[in-house]
Amino acid sequence: MKEFEWIAIRNNDNRFDGQFFYGVSTTLIFCRPSCPSKLPLRQHVSIFLSQCAALEAGYRPCKRCCPDDVAFVQPRSQIVNQTIEIIETQLAEPLTLKKLAEQLFVSPTYLQKVFSKEMNVSPTRYLMKARMDLAKQQLLTTDLQVSDIAQSVGYLNAAHFSTAFHKYTNQSPTHYRTKV
């Protein structure tokens, strides 16, 4: 094992996730360098360049860091960027946290945790803000009916959209259009 690999393991450095994996000979479990599990003794650690190599050596994946799950190898910022891209390109779809997570191949809980930590706002609130910002823009720059705007920002029901818009802006869509 090289010194930088041990330092990465000791510091739970996620920059090395996917570059190598480490196995603990006393438990026959392999992990990502960023695994938050208890630090093993250095003499019990073996380095593997792939998940397959660890599996072939008789190690099983850690249940805490899930090194065999491709989605968990992605850097957090990549998951956040993909979430934002999905939200921006699918605003008209009836997106939910569960549907977002399914598209990213992660659990809703993991997506909520990662996105909230990186963005200081939940994915659901980010989606709501993106929808309301687009709705406000359309109300001011187009002559579309409120029901058409509602559909263009992911609401199947104009009344539900109006309620959400009022909750977000403290005014109805029609009032917002005429006031500004």
N, C-alpha and C. Protein backbone atom coordinates (compact mmCIF):
# COMPACT_ATOMS: atom_id res chain seq x y z
N MET A 1 0.85 -1.18 0.00
CA MET A 1 0.00 0.00 0.00
C MET A 1 0.90 1.24 0.00
N LYS A 2 0.51 2.18 -0.85
CA LYS A 2 1.26 3.44 -0.94
C LYS A 2 0.81 4.39 0.17
N GLU A 3 1.69 5.30 0.52
CA GLU A 3 1.41 6.22 1.62
C GLU A 3 0.18 7.09 1.34
N PHE A 4 0.02 7.57 0.09
CA PHE A 4 -1.13 8.43 -0.22
C PHE A 4 -2.44 7.65 -0.08
N GLU A 5 -2.42 6.34 -0.35
CA GLU A 5 -3.63 5.53 -0.20
C GLU A 5 -4.01 5.43 1.28
N TRP A 6 -3.03 5.20 2.13
CA TRP A 6 -3.31 5.12 3.56
C TRP A 6 -3.81 6.46 4.09
N ILE A 7 -3.22 7.54 3.64
CA ILE A 7 -3.66 8.87 4.08
C ILE A 7 -5.10 9.12 3.63
N ALA A 8 -5.43 8.73 2.40
CA ALA A 8 -6.80 8.89 1.90
C ALA A 8 -7.79 8.09 2.75
N ILE A 9 -7.41 6.87 3.10
CA ILE A 9 -8.28 6.03 3.93
C ILE A 9 -8.43 6.64 5.32
N ARG A 10 -7.33 7.05 5.90
CA ARG A 10 -7.33 7.62 7.25
C ARG A 10 -8.17 8.90 7.31
N ASN A 11 -8.15 9.70 6.22
CA ASN A 11 -8.87 10.97 6.20
C ASN A 11 -10.26 10.87 5.57
N ASN A 12 -10.69 9.65 5.21
CA ASN A 12 -11.99 9.46 4.53
C ASN A 12 -12.12 10.38 3.33
N ASP A 13 -11.09 10.43 2.50
CA ASP A 13 -11.01 11.38 1.39
C ASP A 13 -11.81 10.88 0.18
N ASN A 14 -12.93 11.54 -0.09
CA ASN A 14 -13.80 11.10 -1.19
C ASN A 14 -13.23 11.41 -2.58
N ARG A 15 -12.16 12.17 -2.66
CA ARG A 15 -11.54 12.43 -3.96
C ARG A 15 -10.95 11.16 -4.56
N PHE A 16 -10.72 10.15 -3.75
CA PHE A 16 -10.13 8.89 -4.22
C PHE A 16 -11.18 7.81 -4.46
N ASP A 17 -12.45 8.12 -4.17
CA ASP A 17 -13.51 7.14 -4.42
C ASP A 17 -13.53 6.78 -5.90
N GLY A 18 -13.56 5.48 -6.17
CA GLY A 18 -13.56 5.00 -7.54
C GLY A 18 -12.16 4.79 -8.10
N GLN A 19 -11.15 5.41 -7.50
CA GLN A 19 -9.78 5.22 -7.97
C GLN A 19 -9.17 3.95 -7.38
N PHE A 20 -9.54 3.65 -6.15
CA PHE A 20 -9.13 2.40 -5.53
C PHE A 20 -10.10 2.06 -4.41
N PHE A 21 -10.02 0.82 -3.95
CA PHE A 21 -10.84 0.33 -2.85
C PHE A 21 -9.90 -0.34 -1.87
N TYR A 22 -10.31 -0.41 -0.62
CA TYR A 22 -9.46 -1.13 0.34
C TYR A 22 -10.26 -2.22 1.02
N GLY A 23 -9.58 -3.33 1.27
CA GLY A 23 -10.19 -4.46 1.95
C GLY A 23 -9.54 -4.65 3.30
N VAL A 24 -10.33 -5.11 4.25
CA VAL A 24 -9.82 -5.38 5.60
C VAL A 24 -9.79 -6.90 5.77
N SER A 25 -8.59 -7.43 5.94
CA SER A 25 -8.41 -8.89 5.96
C SER A 25 -9.09 -9.58 7.14
N THR A 26 -9.27 -8.89 8.24
CA THR A 26 -9.89 -9.51 9.42
C THR A 26 -11.40 -9.68 9.27
N THR A 27 -12.02 -8.87 8.42
CA THR A 27 -13.47 -8.95 8.22
C THR A 27 -13.85 -9.41 6.82
N LEU A 28 -12.89 -9.39 5.90
CA LEU A 28 -13.11 -9.68 4.48
C LEU A 28 -14.18 -8.76 3.88
N ILE A 29 -14.13 -7.50 4.27
CA ILE A 29 -15.03 -6.46 3.74
C ILE A 29 -14.17 -5.45 3.00
N PHE A 30 -14.69 -4.97 1.84
CA PHE A 30 -13.97 -3.90 1.14
C PHE A 30 -14.81 -2.64 1.11
N CYS A 31 -14.10 -1.50 1.11
CA CYS A 31 -14.74 -0.19 1.24
C CYS A 31 -14.17 0.81 0.24
N ARG A 32 -14.86 1.95 0.15
CA ARG A 32 -14.33 3.11 -0.57
C ARG A 32 -13.40 3.86 0.39
N PRO A 33 -12.46 4.64 -0.13
CA PRO A 33 -11.58 5.41 0.76
C PRO A 33 -12.34 6.35 1.70
N SER A 34 -13.51 6.81 1.29
CA SER A 34 -14.26 7.76 2.12
C SER A 34 -15.17 7.10 3.14
N CYS A 35 -15.12 5.79 3.26
CA CYS A 35 -16.01 5.09 4.19
C CYS A 35 -15.84 5.62 5.61
N PRO A 36 -16.95 5.97 6.27
CA PRO A 36 -16.87 6.52 7.63
C PRO A 36 -16.71 5.45 8.73
N SER A 37 -16.59 4.19 8.33
CA SER A 37 -16.42 3.13 9.34
C SER A 37 -15.12 3.32 10.11
N LYS A 38 -15.01 2.59 11.21
CA LYS A 38 -13.83 2.68 12.07
C LYS A 38 -12.57 2.37 11.26
N LEU A 39 -11.53 3.14 11.49
CA LEU A 39 -10.26 2.97 10.78
C LEU A 39 -9.63 1.62 11.16
N PRO A 40 -9.34 0.78 10.15
CA PRO A 40 -8.70 -0.51 10.45
C PRO A 40 -7.21 -0.32 10.71
N LEU A 41 -6.59 -1.34 11.26
CA LEU A 41 -5.14 -1.31 11.42
C LEU A 41 -4.51 -1.43 10.03
N ARG A 42 -3.46 -0.68 9.82
CA ARG A 42 -2.82 -0.62 8.51
C ARG A 42 -2.39 -2.00 8.02
N GLN A 43 -1.89 -2.84 8.91
CA GLN A 43 -1.39 -4.15 8.48
C GLN A 43 -2.50 -5.08 8.01
N HIS A 44 -3.76 -4.73 8.27
CA HIS A 44 -4.89 -5.56 7.83
C HIS A 44 -5.52 -5.05 6.54
N VAL A 45 -4.94 -4.01 5.94
CA VAL A 45 -5.53 -3.37 4.76
C VAL A 45 -4.84 -3.83 3.48
N SER A 46 -5.66 -4.18 2.48
CA SER A 46 -5.17 -4.49 1.13
C SER A 46 -5.83 -3.52 0.17
N ILE A 47 -5.11 -3.13 -0.87
CA ILE A 47 -5.64 -2.19 -1.87
C ILE A 47 -6.07 -2.95 -3.12
N PHE A 48 -7.24 -2.55 -3.66
CA PHE A 48 -7.76 -3.12 -4.90
C PHE A 48 -8.06 -1.98 -5.86
N LEU A 49 -7.75 -2.18 -7.13
CA LEU A 49 -7.98 -1.13 -8.13
C LEU A 49 -9.40 -1.17 -8.68
N SER A 50 -10.15 -2.22 -8.38
CA SER A 50 -11.54 -2.30 -8.84
C SER A 50 -12.37 -3.11 -7.85
N GLN A 51 -13.68 -2.96 -7.96
CA GLN A 51 -14.58 -3.75 -7.13
C GLN A 51 -14.44 -5.23 -7.48
N CYS A 52 -14.29 -5.51 -8.78
CA CYS A 52 -14.16 -6.90 -9.24
C CYS A 52 -12.97 -7.59 -8.59
N ALA A 53 -11.85 -6.88 -8.51
CA ALA A 53 -10.65 -7.46 -7.91
C ALA A 53 -10.90 -7.81 -6.44
N ALA A 54 -11.60 -6.95 -5.74
CA ALA A 54 -11.90 -7.21 -4.33
C ALA A 54 -12.84 -8.40 -4.19
N LEU A 55 -13.85 -8.46 -5.05
CA LEU A 55 -14.80 -9.58 -5.01
C LEU A 55 -14.10 -10.90 -5.33
N GLU A 56 -13.23 -10.88 -6.35
CA GLU A 56 -12.50 -12.09 -6.73
C GLU A 56 -11.56 -12.55 -5.62
N ALA A 57 -11.08 -11.63 -4.81
CA ALA A 57 -10.19 -11.98 -3.69
C ALA A 57 -10.98 -12.50 -2.48
N GLY A 58 -12.31 -12.56 -2.60
CA GLY A 58 -13.12 -13.10 -1.52
C GLY A 58 -13.69 -12.08 -0.55
N TYR A 59 -13.57 -10.80 -0.88
CA TYR A 59 -14.11 -9.75 -0.02
C TYR A 59 -15.55 -9.45 -0.41
N ARG A 60 -16.33 -9.01 0.55
CA ARG A 60 -17.71 -8.60 0.26
C ARG A 60 -17.82 -7.09 0.48
N PRO A 61 -18.77 -6.44 -0.20
CA PRO A 61 -18.88 -4.98 -0.08
C PRO A 61 -19.40 -4.54 1.29
N CYS A 62 -18.88 -3.43 1.74
CA CYS A 62 -19.31 -2.81 3.00
C CYS A 62 -20.77 -2.37 2.86
N LYS A 63 -21.55 -2.61 3.88
CA LYS A 63 -22.96 -2.20 3.84
C LYS A 63 -23.12 -0.72 4.18
N ARG A 64 -22.07 -0.13 4.71
CA ARG A 64 -22.15 1.28 5.11
C ARG A 64 -21.85 2.22 3.94
N CYS A 65 -20.79 1.93 3.18
CA CYS A 65 -20.41 2.84 2.09
C CYS A 65 -20.80 2.31 0.71
N CYS A 66 -21.28 1.08 0.62
CA CYS A 66 -21.76 0.48 -0.64
C CYS A 66 -20.79 0.68 -1.80
N PRO A 67 -19.57 0.14 -1.71
CA PRO A 67 -18.60 0.37 -2.78
C PRO A 67 -18.96 -0.31 -4.10
N ASP A 68 -19.90 -1.25 -4.06
CA ASP A 68 -20.31 -1.94 -5.29
C ASP A 68 -21.42 -1.20 -6.02
N ASP A 69 -21.94 -0.14 -5.44
CA ASP A 69 -23.01 0.64 -6.04
C ASP A 69 -22.41 1.81 -6.80
N VAL A 70 -22.59 1.81 -8.12
CA VAL A 70 -21.98 2.83 -8.98
C VAL A 70 -22.40 4.23 -8.57
N ALA A 71 -23.64 4.41 -8.17
CA ALA A 71 -24.13 5.75 -7.82
C ALA A 71 -23.38 6.32 -6.63
N PHE A 72 -22.97 5.46 -5.70
CA PHE A 72 -22.27 5.94 -4.53
C PHE A 72 -20.83 6.32 -4.82
N VAL A 73 -20.32 5.89 -5.97
CA VAL A 73 -18.95 6.23 -6.34
C VAL A 73 -18.90 7.63 -6.94
N GLN A 74 -20.05 8.11 -7.43
CA GLN A 74 -20.08 9.45 -8.01
C GLN A 74 -19.80 10.48 -6.93
N PRO A 75 -19.04 11.50 -7.27
CA PRO A 75 -18.87 12.59 -6.31
C PRO A 75 -20.22 13.24 -6.02
N ARG A 76 -20.34 13.75 -4.82
CA ARG A 76 -21.61 14.38 -4.43
C ARG A 76 -22.00 15.50 -5.37
N SER A 77 -21.03 16.32 -5.77
CA SER A 77 -21.36 17.45 -6.63
C SER A 77 -21.91 16.98 -7.97
N GLN A 78 -21.48 15.82 -8.45
CA GLN A 78 -22.01 15.30 -9.71
C GLN A 78 -23.48 14.93 -9.55
N ILE A 79 -23.84 14.33 -8.44
CA ILE A 79 -25.24 13.99 -8.20
C ILE A 79 -26.08 15.26 -8.11
N VAL A 80 -25.57 16.28 -7.44
CA VAL A 80 -26.28 17.55 -7.32
C VAL A 80 -26.44 18.19 -8.69
N ASN A 81 -25.38 18.22 -9.48
CA ASN A 81 -25.46 18.81 -10.83
C ASN A 81 -26.45 18.06 -11.71
N GLN A 82 -26.46 16.74 -11.62
CA GLN A 82 -27.42 15.96 -12.40
C GLN A 82 -28.85 16.22 -11.94
N THR A 83 -29.04 16.38 -10.65
CA THR A 83 -30.37 16.68 -10.12
C THR A 83 -30.87 18.02 -10.65
N ILE A 84 -30.01 19.02 -10.63
CA ILE A 84 -30.38 20.34 -11.14
C ILE A 84 -30.70 20.27 -12.62
N GLU A 85 -29.92 19.52 -13.37
CA GLU A 85 -30.16 19.38 -14.81
C GLU A 85 -31.51 18.71 -15.07
N ILE A 86 -31.81 17.67 -14.32
CA ILE A 86 -33.11 16.99 -14.48
C ILE A 86 -34.24 17.95 -14.15
N ILE A 87 -34.11 18.67 -13.06
CA ILE A 87 -35.16 19.62 -12.67
C ILE A 87 -35.37 20.66 -13.76
N GLU A 88 -34.29 21.24 -14.27
CA GLU A 88 -34.41 22.30 -15.27
C GLU A 88 -34.95 21.80 -16.60
N THR A 89 -34.67 20.55 -16.95
CA THR A 89 -35.14 20.04 -18.25
C THR A 89 -36.51 19.36 -18.16
N GLN A 90 -36.96 19.06 -16.94
CA GLN A 90 -38.22 18.34 -16.80
C GLN A 90 -39.21 19.08 -15.90
N LEU A 91 -39.16 20.40 -15.93
CA LEU A 91 -40.06 21.19 -15.08
C LEU A 91 -41.53 20.88 -15.34
N ALA A 92 -41.87 20.56 -16.58
CA ALA A 92 -43.26 20.31 -16.92
C ALA A 92 -43.73 18.92 -16.47
N GLU A 93 -42.81 18.08 -16.05
CA GLU A 93 -43.16 16.73 -15.60
C GLU A 93 -43.57 16.76 -14.13
N PRO A 94 -44.40 15.82 -13.72
CA PRO A 94 -44.78 15.75 -12.30
C PRO A 94 -43.66 15.10 -11.47
N LEU A 95 -42.58 15.83 -11.28
CA LEU A 95 -41.41 15.31 -10.56
C LEU A 95 -41.67 15.22 -9.06
N THR A 96 -41.13 14.19 -8.46
CA THR A 96 -41.13 14.03 -7.01
C THR A 96 -39.71 13.65 -6.60
N LEU A 97 -39.45 13.69 -5.32
CA LEU A 97 -38.13 13.28 -4.83
C LEU A 97 -37.85 11.83 -5.24
N LYS A 98 -38.86 11.00 -5.14
CA LYS A 98 -38.69 9.58 -5.50
C LYS A 98 -38.34 9.43 -6.98
N LYS A 99 -39.03 10.17 -7.85
CA LYS A 99 -38.76 10.08 -9.29
C LYS A 99 -37.37 10.62 -9.63
N LEU A 100 -36.96 11.70 -8.96
CA LEU A 100 -35.61 12.23 -9.17
C LEU A 100 -34.57 11.18 -8.77
N ALA A 101 -34.76 10.58 -7.60
CA ALA A 101 -33.81 9.58 -7.10
C ALA A 101 -33.74 8.38 -8.04
N GLU A 102 -34.88 7.95 -8.56
CA GLU A 102 -34.89 6.82 -9.50
C GLU A 102 -34.07 7.13 -10.74
N GLN A 103 -34.18 8.34 -11.25
CA GLN A 103 -33.42 8.72 -12.45
C GLN A 103 -31.92 8.76 -12.19
N LEU A 104 -31.54 8.99 -10.94
CA LEU A 104 -30.12 9.08 -10.58
C LEU A 104 -29.59 7.78 -9.98
N PHE A 105 -30.46 6.78 -9.84
CA PHE A 105 -30.09 5.48 -9.29
C PHE A 105 -29.55 5.58 -7.86
N VAL A 106 -30.17 6.44 -7.07
CA VAL A 106 -29.84 6.57 -5.65
C VAL A 106 -31.14 6.52 -4.86
N SER A 107 -31.04 6.38 -3.57
CA SER A 107 -32.25 6.37 -2.74
C SER A 107 -32.73 7.81 -2.53
N PRO A 108 -34.04 8.00 -2.32
CA PRO A 108 -34.54 9.34 -2.03
C PRO A 108 -33.88 9.96 -0.80
N THR A 109 -33.62 9.14 0.21
CA THR A 109 -32.98 9.64 1.44
C THR A 109 -31.58 10.16 1.15
N TYR A 110 -30.82 9.40 0.36
CA TYR A 110 -29.45 9.81 0.02
C TYR A 110 -29.48 11.10 -0.81
N LEU A 111 -30.37 11.17 -1.80
CA LEU A 111 -30.47 12.37 -2.63
C LEU A 111 -30.83 13.58 -1.77
N GLN A 112 -31.80 13.42 -0.89
CA GLN A 112 -32.22 14.51 0.00
C GLN A 112 -31.03 15.00 0.83
N LYS A 113 -30.29 14.07 1.39
CA LYS A 113 -29.17 14.41 2.27
C LYS A 113 -28.06 15.13 1.49
N VAL A 114 -27.66 14.56 0.36
CA VAL A 114 -26.55 15.13 -0.43
C VAL A 114 -26.93 16.49 -1.00
N PHE A 115 -28.11 16.58 -1.60
CA PHE A 115 -28.54 17.83 -2.23
C PHE A 115 -28.69 18.93 -1.18
N SER A 116 -29.32 18.60 -0.07
CA SER A 116 -29.53 19.60 0.98
C SER A 116 -28.21 20.09 1.56
N LYS A 117 -27.26 19.18 1.71
CA LYS A 117 -25.95 19.57 2.26
C LYS A 117 -25.20 20.49 1.30
N GLU A 118 -25.24 20.18 0.00
CA GLU A 118 -24.50 20.96 -0.99
C GLU A 118 -25.19 22.29 -1.31
N MET A 119 -26.52 22.29 -1.37
CA MET A 119 -27.26 23.46 -1.86
C MET A 119 -27.94 24.26 -0.75
N ASN A 120 -27.96 23.76 0.46
CA ASN A 120 -28.65 24.40 1.59
C ASN A 120 -30.14 24.55 1.35
N VAL A 121 -30.68 23.70 0.51
CA VAL A 121 -32.12 23.66 0.25
C VAL A 121 -32.44 22.25 -0.24
N SER A 122 -33.62 21.76 0.07
CA SER A 122 -33.99 20.41 -0.35
C SER A 122 -34.26 20.38 -1.86
N PRO A 123 -34.18 19.20 -2.48
CA PRO A 123 -34.49 19.11 -3.91
C PRO A 123 -35.92 19.56 -4.21
N THR A 124 -36.84 19.24 -3.30
CA THR A 124 -38.24 19.61 -3.50
C THR A 124 -38.41 21.13 -3.48
N ARG A 125 -37.76 21.80 -2.56
CA ARG A 125 -37.84 23.27 -2.52
C ARG A 125 -37.16 23.90 -3.73
N TYR A 126 -36.05 23.31 -4.16
CA TYR A 126 -35.36 23.81 -5.35
C TYR A 126 -36.28 23.68 -6.56
N LEU A 127 -36.96 22.54 -6.68
CA LEU A 127 -37.91 22.31 -7.77
C LEU A 127 -39.04 23.34 -7.71
N MET A 128 -39.57 23.58 -6.52
CA MET A 128 -40.66 24.56 -6.36
C MET A 128 -40.19 25.95 -6.79
N LYS A 129 -39.00 26.35 -6.37
CA LYS A 129 -38.47 27.66 -6.74
C LYS A 129 -38.29 27.77 -8.25
N ALA A 130 -37.74 26.74 -8.86
CA ALA A 130 -37.54 26.75 -10.32
C ALA A 130 -38.88 26.87 -11.04
N ARG A 131 -39.87 26.14 -10.56
CA ARG A 131 -41.21 26.21 -11.18
C ARG A 131 -41.83 27.60 -11.01
N MET A 132 -41.73 28.14 -9.82
CA MET A 132 -42.33 29.45 -9.55
C MET A 132 -41.59 30.56 -10.30
N ASP A 133 -40.28 30.47 -10.41
CA ASP A 133 -39.52 31.48 -11.18
C ASP A 133 -39.94 31.46 -12.65
N LEU A 134 -40.10 30.26 -13.21
CA LEU A 134 -40.53 30.16 -14.61
C LEU A 134 -41.97 30.66 -14.76
N ALA A 135 -42.82 30.32 -13.82
CA ALA A 135 -44.22 30.78 -13.87
C ALA A 135 -44.28 32.30 -13.80
N LYS A 136 -43.50 32.90 -12.91
CA LYS A 136 -43.48 34.37 -12.80
C LYS A 136 -43.01 35.00 -14.11
N GLN A 137 -41.99 34.42 -14.70
CA GLN A 137 -41.48 34.93 -15.97
C GLN A 137 -42.56 34.84 -17.06
N GLN A 138 -43.24 33.70 -17.11
CA GLN A 138 -44.28 33.52 -18.13
C GLN A 138 -45.47 34.44 -17.89
N LEU A 139 -45.81 34.66 -16.64
CA LEU A 139 -46.92 35.57 -16.34
C LEU A 139 -46.62 36.99 -16.81
N LEU A 140 -45.36 37.40 -16.70
CA LEU A 140 -44.99 38.76 -17.07
C LEU A 140 -44.68 38.93 -18.55
N THR A 141 -44.25 37.88 -19.22
CA THR A 141 -43.76 38.04 -20.60
C THR A 141 -44.63 37.38 -21.66
N THR A 142 -45.69 36.67 -21.25
CA THR A 142 -46.55 36.02 -22.24
C THR A 142 -48.01 36.34 -21.95
N ASP A 143 -48.85 35.99 -22.89
CA ASP A 143 -50.29 36.13 -22.70
C ASP A 143 -50.95 34.77 -22.45
N LEU A 144 -50.15 33.79 -22.09
CA LEU A 144 -50.69 32.46 -21.82
C LEU A 144 -51.68 32.50 -20.67
N GLN A 145 -52.70 31.65 -20.76
CA GLN A 145 -53.65 31.54 -19.66
C GLN A 145 -52.97 30.88 -18.47
N VAL A 146 -53.48 31.15 -17.29
CA VAL A 146 -52.90 30.59 -16.07
C VAL A 146 -52.89 29.06 -16.13
N SER A 147 -53.92 28.46 -16.69
CA SER A 147 -53.96 26.99 -16.78
C SER A 147 -52.84 26.46 -17.67
N ASP A 148 -52.51 27.18 -18.75
CA ASP A 148 -51.42 26.76 -19.64
C ASP A 148 -50.06 26.92 -18.94
N ILE A 149 -49.91 27.99 -18.20
CA ILE A 149 -48.67 28.20 -17.44
C ILE A 149 -48.54 27.11 -16.38
N ALA A 150 -49.64 26.79 -15.74
CA ALA A 150 -49.63 25.73 -14.72
C ALA A 150 -49.10 24.42 -15.31
N GLN A 151 -49.60 24.05 -16.48
CA GLN A 151 -49.14 22.82 -17.13
C GLN A 151 -47.68 22.91 -17.54
N SER A 152 -47.24 24.08 -17.98
CA SER A 152 -45.85 24.22 -18.44
C SER A 152 -44.84 24.12 -17.31
N VAL A 153 -45.31 24.30 -16.08
CA VAL A 153 -44.40 24.18 -14.93
C VAL A 153 -44.71 22.96 -14.05
N GLY A 154 -45.42 22.00 -14.62
CA GLY A 154 -45.58 20.72 -13.94
C GLY A 154 -46.81 20.52 -13.10
N TYR A 155 -47.79 21.40 -13.21
CA TYR A 155 -49.02 21.23 -12.45
C TYR A 155 -50.13 20.79 -13.39
N LEU A 156 -50.79 19.70 -13.07
CA LEU A 156 -51.87 19.20 -13.90
C LEU A 156 -53.18 19.94 -13.63
N ASN A 157 -53.25 20.59 -12.48
CA ASN A 157 -54.46 21.25 -12.04
C ASN A 157 -54.16 22.73 -11.81
N ALA A 158 -54.88 23.61 -12.50
CA ALA A 158 -54.65 25.06 -12.38
C ALA A 158 -54.94 25.56 -10.96
N ALA A 159 -55.94 24.97 -10.32
CA ALA A 159 -56.27 25.40 -8.95
C ALA A 159 -55.13 25.05 -7.99
N HIS A 160 -54.56 23.88 -8.16
CA HIS A 160 -53.42 23.49 -7.32
C HIS A 160 -52.24 24.42 -7.57
N PHE A 161 -52.01 24.76 -8.83
CA PHE A 161 -50.93 25.69 -9.17
C PHE A 161 -51.19 27.05 -8.52
N SER A 162 -52.41 27.55 -8.62
CA SER A 162 -52.74 28.86 -8.05
C SER A 162 -52.52 28.88 -6.54
N THR A 163 -52.90 27.79 -5.88
CA THR A 163 -52.68 27.69 -4.43
C THR A 163 -51.19 27.70 -4.10
N ALA A 164 -50.41 26.92 -4.86
CA ALA A 164 -48.96 26.87 -4.63
C ALA A 164 -48.32 28.22 -4.94
N PHE A 165 -48.76 28.86 -6.01
CA PHE A 165 -48.21 30.16 -6.40
C PHE A 165 -48.50 31.19 -5.32
N HIS A 166 -49.73 31.19 -4.82
CA HIS A 166 -50.12 32.13 -3.76
C HIS A 166 -49.30 31.89 -2.49
N LYS A 167 -49.09 30.64 -2.17
CA LYS A 167 -48.29 30.31 -0.98
C LYS A 167 -46.85 30.78 -1.16
N TYR A 168 -46.33 30.70 -2.37
CA TYR A 168 -44.94 31.07 -2.65
C TYR A 168 -44.75 32.58 -2.75
N THR A 169 -45.72 33.30 -3.36
CA THR A 169 -45.55 34.73 -3.63
C THR A 169 -46.47 35.64 -2.81
N ASN A 170 -47.41 35.06 -2.09
CA ASN A 170 -48.39 35.83 -1.33
C ASN A 170 -49.39 36.56 -2.22
N GLN A 171 -49.54 36.11 -3.44
CA GLN A 171 -50.55 36.68 -4.33
C GLN A 171 -50.93 35.65 -5.40
N SER A 172 -52.10 35.84 -5.96
CA SER A 172 -52.56 34.91 -6.99
C SER A 172 -51.80 35.18 -8.29
N PRO A 173 -51.76 34.20 -9.20
CA PRO A 173 -51.09 34.41 -10.48
C PRO A 173 -51.68 35.60 -11.26
N THR A 174 -53.00 35.72 -11.25
CA THR A 174 -53.64 36.82 -11.98
C THR A 174 -53.27 38.16 -11.37
N HIS A 175 -53.29 38.24 -10.07
CA HIS A 175 -52.92 39.48 -9.39
C HIS A 175 -51.45 39.81 -9.64
N TYR A 176 -50.60 38.81 -9.63
CA TYR A 176 -49.17 39.02 -9.89
C TYR A 176 -48.97 39.60 -11.29
N ARG A 177 -49.71 39.06 -12.26
CA ARG A 177 -49.58 39.52 -13.65
C ARG A 177 -50.02 40.98 -13.79
N THR A 178 -51.10 41.36 -13.13
CA THR A 178 -51.61 42.72 -13.29
C THR A 178 -50.87 43.73 -12.42
N LYS A 179 -50.33 43.28 -11.30
CA LYS A 179 -49.66 44.19 -10.36
C LYS A 179 -48.32 44.66 -10.89
N VAL A 180 -47.56 43.76 -11.49
CA VAL A 180 -46.19 44.10 -11.88
C VAL A 180 -46.12 44.74 -13.23
